[in-house]
Amino acid sequence: MGITKVTRNYQVTLPKDVREAEEIRVGDRFIAVPREDGIFLKKLDKDFIRKTAGIWKSKGSGLAYVRKIRDEEEKKLKRLGL
């Protein structure tokens, strides 16, 4: 465990012992999630990135996709009487 600081570009350098213990290499990708007790940082598996690549691609625009989802939800709620 080491101490690090945020640079003026909001970058953080991971201490060497952490990089070695977690086998972190240049180009690895992470997900950062804010929590009540701090920040959770998790290294993403390369297979995860490959599996999810293009998952949000659709034939229409993003806005059209969101409208479609909202319309489906409204129909579902009407069917349930809510």
N, C-alpha and C. Protein backbone atom coordinates (compact mmCIF):
# COMPACT_ATOMS: atom_id res chain seq x y z
N MET A 1 0.85 -1.16 0.00
CA MET A 1 0.00 0.00 0.00
C MET A 1 0.90 1.23 0.00
N GLY A 2 0.55 2.18 -0.85
CA GLY A 2 1.32 3.40 -0.93
C GLY A 2 0.41 4.61 -0.96
N ILE A 3 1.00 5.76 -0.82
CA ILE A 3 0.25 7.01 -0.87
C ILE A 3 0.50 7.66 -2.22
N THR A 4 -0.54 8.22 -2.80
CA THR A 4 -0.44 8.88 -4.08
C THR A 4 -1.25 10.17 -4.02
N LYS A 5 -1.13 11.00 -5.05
CA LYS A 5 -1.92 12.23 -5.07
C LYS A 5 -2.49 12.44 -6.46
N VAL A 6 -3.48 13.30 -6.53
CA VAL A 6 -4.12 13.64 -7.80
C VAL A 6 -3.33 14.78 -8.43
N THR A 7 -2.99 14.64 -9.72
CA THR A 7 -2.26 15.69 -10.43
C THR A 7 -3.23 16.76 -10.91
N ARG A 8 -2.70 17.82 -11.50
CA ARG A 8 -3.56 18.90 -11.99
C ARG A 8 -4.48 18.44 -13.13
N ASN A 9 -4.14 17.32 -13.78
CA ASN A 9 -5.00 16.76 -14.82
C ASN A 9 -5.91 15.66 -14.27
N TYR A 10 -6.04 15.61 -12.95
CA TYR A 10 -6.88 14.63 -12.26
C TYR A 10 -6.44 13.20 -12.51
N GLN A 11 -5.15 12.99 -12.65
CA GLN A 11 -4.60 11.66 -12.83
C GLN A 11 -3.99 11.18 -11.51
N VAL A 12 -4.01 9.86 -11.33
CA VAL A 12 -3.45 9.25 -10.13
C VAL A 12 -2.48 8.17 -10.57
N THR A 13 -1.29 8.15 -9.98
CA THR A 13 -0.30 7.11 -10.25
C THR A 13 -0.46 6.02 -9.21
N LEU A 14 -0.62 4.79 -9.68
CA LEU A 14 -0.73 3.67 -8.75
C LEU A 14 0.66 3.30 -8.24
N PRO A 15 0.82 3.10 -6.95
CA PRO A 15 2.12 2.74 -6.40
C PRO A 15 2.62 1.43 -7.01
N LYS A 16 3.93 1.29 -7.07
CA LYS A 16 4.56 0.14 -7.71
C LYS A 16 4.12 -1.18 -7.09
N ASP A 17 4.03 -1.25 -5.77
CA ASP A 17 3.63 -2.50 -5.13
C ASP A 17 2.21 -2.91 -5.51
N VAL A 18 1.33 -1.94 -5.70
CA VAL A 18 -0.04 -2.22 -6.13
C VAL A 18 -0.06 -2.70 -7.57
N ARG A 19 0.69 -2.03 -8.44
CA ARG A 19 0.77 -2.43 -9.86
C ARG A 19 1.28 -3.86 -9.99
N GLU A 20 2.32 -4.18 -9.24
CA GLU A 20 2.90 -5.52 -9.32
C GLU A 20 1.96 -6.58 -8.75
N ALA A 21 1.35 -6.28 -7.61
CA ALA A 21 0.45 -7.25 -6.97
C ALA A 21 -0.76 -7.56 -7.85
N GLU A 22 -1.26 -6.56 -8.55
CA GLU A 22 -2.46 -6.73 -9.38
C GLU A 22 -2.13 -6.96 -10.85
N GLU A 23 -0.85 -7.05 -11.17
CA GLU A 23 -0.38 -7.27 -12.55
C GLU A 23 -0.97 -6.24 -13.50
N ILE A 24 -0.86 -4.98 -13.14
CA ILE A 24 -1.38 -3.88 -13.95
C ILE A 24 -0.34 -3.49 -14.97
N ARG A 25 -0.78 -3.36 -16.22
CA ARG A 25 0.11 -3.00 -17.33
C ARG A 25 -0.40 -1.74 -18.02
N VAL A 26 0.46 -1.10 -18.77
CA VAL A 26 0.08 0.08 -19.55
C VAL A 26 -1.04 -0.31 -20.50
N GLY A 27 -2.09 0.49 -20.54
CA GLY A 27 -3.22 0.22 -21.43
C GLY A 27 -4.37 -0.52 -20.77
N ASP A 28 -4.15 -1.06 -19.56
CA ASP A 28 -5.25 -1.72 -18.86
C ASP A 28 -6.37 -0.72 -18.60
N ARG A 29 -7.59 -1.20 -18.58
CA ARG A 29 -8.74 -0.34 -18.36
C ARG A 29 -9.37 -0.66 -17.02
N PHE A 30 -9.95 0.37 -16.41
CA PHE A 30 -10.56 0.26 -15.09
C PHE A 30 -11.95 0.86 -15.09
N ILE A 31 -12.73 0.44 -14.13
CA ILE A 31 -14.01 1.09 -13.87
C ILE A 31 -13.88 1.74 -12.49
N ALA A 32 -14.31 2.98 -12.38
CA ALA A 32 -14.26 3.71 -11.12
C ALA A 32 -15.67 3.99 -10.65
N VAL A 33 -15.98 3.60 -9.42
CA VAL A 33 -17.33 3.75 -8.88
C VAL A 33 -17.25 4.49 -7.54
N PRO A 34 -17.96 5.63 -7.43
CA PRO A 34 -17.96 6.33 -6.14
C PRO A 34 -18.79 5.56 -5.12
N ARG A 35 -18.30 5.52 -3.89
CA ARG A 35 -19.01 4.88 -2.79
C ARG A 35 -19.01 5.81 -1.60
N GLU A 36 -19.82 5.49 -0.62
CA GLU A 36 -19.87 6.33 0.57
C GLU A 36 -18.53 6.38 1.30
N ASP A 37 -17.82 5.26 1.30
CA ASP A 37 -16.56 5.18 2.04
C ASP A 37 -15.32 5.43 1.18
N GLY A 38 -15.49 5.84 -0.07
CA GLY A 38 -14.36 6.11 -0.95
C GLY A 38 -14.67 5.79 -2.39
N ILE A 39 -13.64 5.40 -3.11
CA ILE A 39 -13.77 5.09 -4.54
C ILE A 39 -13.37 3.64 -4.76
N PHE A 40 -14.20 2.92 -5.50
CA PHE A 40 -13.90 1.54 -5.85
C PHE A 40 -13.32 1.55 -7.26
N LEU A 41 -12.14 0.99 -7.42
CA LEU A 41 -11.46 0.95 -8.72
C LEU A 41 -11.21 -0.51 -9.05
N LYS A 42 -11.74 -0.99 -10.20
CA LYS A 42 -11.59 -2.38 -10.59
C LYS A 42 -11.03 -2.49 -11.98
N LYS A 43 -10.03 -3.34 -12.12
CA LYS A 43 -9.42 -3.59 -13.42
C LYS A 43 -10.39 -4.44 -14.24
N LEU A 44 -10.64 -4.02 -15.47
CA LEU A 44 -11.54 -4.76 -16.35
C LEU A 44 -10.77 -5.85 -17.07
N ASP A 45 -11.38 -6.98 -17.16
CA ASP A 45 -10.81 -8.10 -17.89
C ASP A 45 -10.91 -7.82 -19.38
N LYS A 46 -9.87 -8.13 -20.15
CA LYS A 46 -9.90 -7.86 -21.59
C LYS A 46 -11.03 -8.60 -22.27
N ASP A 47 -11.37 -9.81 -21.79
CA ASP A 47 -12.49 -10.55 -22.38
C ASP A 47 -13.80 -9.82 -22.14
N PHE A 48 -13.94 -9.17 -21.00
CA PHE A 48 -15.15 -8.40 -20.70
C PHE A 48 -15.33 -7.29 -21.72
N ILE A 49 -14.23 -6.60 -22.03
CA ILE A 49 -14.30 -5.50 -22.99
C ILE A 49 -14.68 -6.03 -24.37
N ARG A 50 -14.08 -7.15 -24.79
CA ARG A 50 -14.41 -7.73 -26.09
C ARG A 50 -15.86 -8.18 -26.15
N LYS A 51 -16.34 -8.80 -25.08
CA LYS A 51 -17.72 -9.31 -25.05
C LYS A 51 -18.75 -8.19 -25.13
N THR A 52 -18.44 -7.04 -24.54
CA THR A 52 -19.41 -5.95 -24.49
C THR A 52 -19.23 -4.93 -25.60
N ALA A 53 -18.20 -5.07 -26.40
CA ALA A 53 -17.97 -4.11 -27.49
C ALA A 53 -19.15 -4.14 -28.45
N GLY A 54 -19.70 -2.98 -28.72
CA GLY A 54 -20.81 -2.87 -29.65
C GLY A 54 -22.16 -3.23 -29.07
N ILE A 55 -22.23 -3.46 -27.78
CA ILE A 55 -23.49 -3.89 -27.18
C ILE A 55 -24.60 -2.86 -27.35
N TRP A 56 -24.24 -1.58 -27.43
CA TRP A 56 -25.26 -0.53 -27.54
C TRP A 56 -25.52 -0.09 -28.97
N LYS A 57 -24.90 -0.76 -29.92
CA LYS A 57 -25.15 -0.37 -31.32
C LYS A 57 -26.57 -0.74 -31.71
N SER A 58 -27.22 0.17 -32.35
CA SER A 58 -28.57 -0.09 -32.85
C SER A 58 -28.69 0.57 -34.22
N LYS A 59 -29.74 0.20 -34.94
CA LYS A 59 -29.92 0.74 -36.28
C LYS A 59 -30.33 2.21 -36.26
N GLY A 60 -31.04 2.62 -35.21
CA GLY A 60 -31.48 4.00 -35.10
C GLY A 60 -30.55 4.82 -34.22
N SER A 61 -30.98 6.02 -33.94
CA SER A 61 -30.19 6.89 -33.08
C SER A 61 -30.37 6.48 -31.62
N GLY A 62 -29.51 6.99 -30.77
CA GLY A 62 -29.63 6.73 -29.34
C GLY A 62 -30.93 7.26 -28.79
N LEU A 63 -31.33 8.43 -29.27
CA LEU A 63 -32.58 9.04 -28.82
C LEU A 63 -33.78 8.17 -29.21
N ALA A 64 -33.77 7.65 -30.42
CA ALA A 64 -34.86 6.77 -30.87
C ALA A 64 -34.92 5.51 -30.01
N TYR A 65 -33.77 5.00 -29.65
CA TYR A 65 -33.71 3.80 -28.82
C TYR A 65 -34.31 4.08 -27.44
N VAL A 66 -33.95 5.21 -26.84
CA VAL A 66 -34.48 5.58 -25.53
C VAL A 66 -35.99 5.75 -25.59
N ARG A 67 -36.48 6.40 -26.63
CA ARG A 67 -37.93 6.58 -26.79
C ARG A 67 -38.65 5.24 -26.90
N LYS A 68 -38.04 4.32 -27.63
CA LYS A 68 -38.63 2.99 -27.80
C LYS A 68 -38.73 2.29 -26.45
N ILE A 69 -37.68 2.35 -25.66
CA ILE A 69 -37.69 1.72 -24.34
C ILE A 69 -38.75 2.36 -23.44
N ARG A 70 -38.85 3.69 -23.47
CA ARG A 70 -39.85 4.39 -22.66
C ARG A 70 -41.27 4.01 -23.08
N ASP A 71 -41.50 3.94 -24.39
CA ASP A 71 -42.83 3.56 -24.90
C ASP A 71 -43.20 2.16 -24.45
N GLU A 72 -42.25 1.24 -24.52
CA GLU A 72 -42.50 -0.14 -24.09
C GLU A 72 -42.84 -0.17 -22.61
N GLU A 73 -42.14 0.62 -21.81
CA GLU A 73 -42.39 0.67 -20.37
C GLU A 73 -43.78 1.24 -20.08
N GLU A 74 -44.17 2.30 -20.79
CA GLU A 74 -45.50 2.88 -20.61
C GLU A 74 -46.59 1.87 -20.94
N LYS A 75 -46.43 1.13 -22.03
CA LYS A 75 -47.41 0.10 -22.40
C LYS A 75 -47.50 -0.98 -21.33
N LYS A 76 -46.36 -1.37 -20.79
CA LYS A 76 -46.33 -2.39 -19.75
C LYS A 76 -47.06 -1.91 -18.50
N LEU A 77 -46.82 -0.65 -18.10
CA LEU A 77 -47.49 -0.10 -16.93
C LEU A 77 -49.00 -0.01 -17.13
N LYS A 78 -49.43 0.38 -18.34
CA LYS A 78 -50.86 0.45 -18.63
C LYS A 78 -51.49 -0.94 -18.53
N ARG A 79 -50.82 -1.94 -19.07
CA ARG A 79 -51.31 -3.30 -19.02
C ARG A 79 -51.49 -3.76 -17.58
N LEU A 80 -50.58 -3.34 -16.71
CA LEU A 80 -50.64 -3.73 -15.31
C LEU A 80 -51.58 -2.84 -14.50
N GLY A 81 -52.11 -1.79 -15.13
CA GLY A 81 -53.03 -0.89 -14.45
C GLY A 81 -52.34 0.04 -13.48
N LEU A 82 -51.10 0.36 -13.75
CA LEU A 82 -50.36 1.26 -12.86
C LEU A 82 -50.19 2.63 -13.46
